[in-house]
Protein backbone atom coordinates (compact mmCIF):
# COMPACT_ATOMS: atom_id res chain seq x y z
CA UNK A 1 2.01 7.49 1.28
CA UNK A 2 1.96 3.71 1.34
CA UNK A 3 3.20 3.47 4.97
CA UNK A 4 1.16 6.50 6.31
CA UNK A 5 -2.08 5.82 4.62
CA UNK A 6 -2.46 2.28 3.09
CA UNK A 7 -0.65 0.31 5.90
CA UNK A 8 -2.79 2.15 8.48
CA UNK A 9 -5.95 1.39 6.50
CA UNK A 10 -4.98 -2.25 6.12
CA UNK A 11 -4.29 -2.78 9.72
CA UNK A 12 -7.34 -0.78 10.85
CA UNK A 13 -10.29 -1.40 8.68
CA UNK A 14 -12.45 -0.31 11.59
CA UNK A 15 -11.30 3.27 11.01
CA UNK A 16 -13.41 3.26 7.76
CA UNK A 17 -15.97 0.46 8.29
CA UNK A 18 -18.18 -0.20 11.31
CA UNK A 19 -16.78 -3.63 12.18
CA UNK A 20 -15.21 -5.48 15.07
CA UNK A 21 -11.69 -6.74 14.38
CA UNK A 22 -11.07 -9.85 16.28
CA UNK A 23 -7.54 -10.90 17.46
CA UNK A 24 -7.27 -13.46 14.61
CA UNK A 25 -8.27 -10.96 11.95
CA UNK A 26 -5.90 -8.36 13.45
CA UNK A 27 -3.00 -10.96 13.23
CA UNK A 28 -3.83 -11.69 9.59
CA UNK A 29 -4.00 -7.99 8.69
CA UNK A 30 -0.68 -7.51 10.30
CA UNK A 31 0.89 -10.11 8.04
CA UNK A 32 -0.74 -8.54 5.03
CA UNK A 33 0.53 -4.98 6.10
CA UNK A 34 4.03 -6.36 6.76
CA UNK A 35 4.10 -7.95 3.27
CA UNK A 36 2.94 -4.65 1.82
CA UNK A 37 5.64 -2.73 3.66
CA UNK A 38 8.27 -5.13 2.59
CA UNK A 39 7.10 -4.96 -1.05
CA UNK A 40 7.46 -1.09 -0.97
CA UNK A 41 10.73 -1.11 0.83
CA UNK A 42 13.82 -0.09 -1.15
CA UNK A 43 16.20 -2.08 0.93
CA UNK A 44 16.67 -5.95 0.90
CA UNK A 45 15.73 -7.84 3.98
CA UNK A 46 17.90 -10.84 4.74
CA UNK A 47 15.83 -13.58 6.27
CA UNK A 48 17.11 -16.40 8.33
CA UNK A 49 15.84 -19.11 10.74
CA UNK A 50 15.42 -16.45 13.41
CA UNK A 51 13.13 -14.31 11.31
CA UNK A 52 9.47 -13.93 12.27
CA UNK A 53 7.13 -16.36 10.59
CA UNK A 54 5.01 -13.42 9.34
CA UNK A 55 7.91 -12.34 7.24
CA UNK A 56 8.80 -15.86 6.01
CA UNK A 57 5.18 -16.64 4.96
CA UNK A 58 5.47 -14.36 1.79
CA UNK A 59 9.32 -14.14 1.56
CA UNK A 60 9.36 -15.81 -1.94
CA UNK A 61 6.78 -13.50 -3.31
CA UNK A 62 8.22 -10.25 -2.14
CA UNK A 63 10.57 -9.80 -5.11
CA UNK A 64 7.68 -10.20 -7.53
CA UNK A 65 5.72 -7.58 -5.48
CA UNK A 66 8.79 -5.28 -5.52
CA UNK A 67 8.86 -5.44 -9.26
CA UNK A 68 5.12 -4.54 -9.46
CA UNK A 69 5.78 -1.49 -7.12
CA UNK A 70 8.77 -0.38 -9.19
CA UNK A 71 6.82 -0.66 -12.49
CA UNK A 72 3.88 1.23 -10.90
CA UNK A 73 6.18 4.16 -9.86
CA UNK A 74 8.00 4.05 -13.24
CA UNK A 75 4.77 4.28 -15.12
CA UNK A 76 3.80 7.28 -12.99
CA UNK A 77 7.12 8.92 -13.71
CA UNK A 78 6.57 8.46 -17.47
CA UNK A 79 3.11 9.96 -17.49
CA UNK A 80 2.64 13.30 -19.10
CA UNK A 81 2.38 16.02 -16.62
CA UNK A 82 -1.01 17.97 -16.18
CA UNK A 83 -0.97 21.63 -16.29
CA UNK A 84 -2.40 23.63 -13.30
CA UNK A 85 -5.12 24.82 -15.29
CA UNK A 86 -6.28 21.42 -16.48
CA UNK A 87 -6.12 20.17 -12.94
CA UNK A 88 -8.12 23.10 -11.46
CA UNK A 89 -10.75 22.56 -14.18
CA UNK A 90 -11.04 18.87 -13.45
CA UNK A 91 -11.27 19.45 -9.75
CA UNK A 92 -13.89 22.25 -10.28
CA UNK A 93 -15.88 19.87 -12.48
CA UNK A 94 -15.71 16.98 -9.79
CA UNK A 95 -16.77 19.43 -7.15
CA UNK A 96 -19.79 20.48 -9.19
CA UNK A 97 -20.84 16.92 -10.04
CA UNK A 98 -20.46 15.67 -6.35
CA UNK A 99 -22.37 18.51 -4.65
């Protein structure tokens, strides 16, 4: 989900908003998207002097972001499960309210 949806949305805000994305903005969004992907990755990336500058820019922050992502999924795992009946009732209510 993070890679298929959020990274695509981060890199292409013009899919949702009626905006023009300049080359500079595109480059900046690519760095943000790469940082997000690295934060959600389960593997460790070894960086060196030949690593792209876009990866080096937030390299020291990635461990903190990884902890946030791990805590997020851990919190979801610990949540109480919702019954199918409760989920259907909630969706029906949302549908009724929205339309």
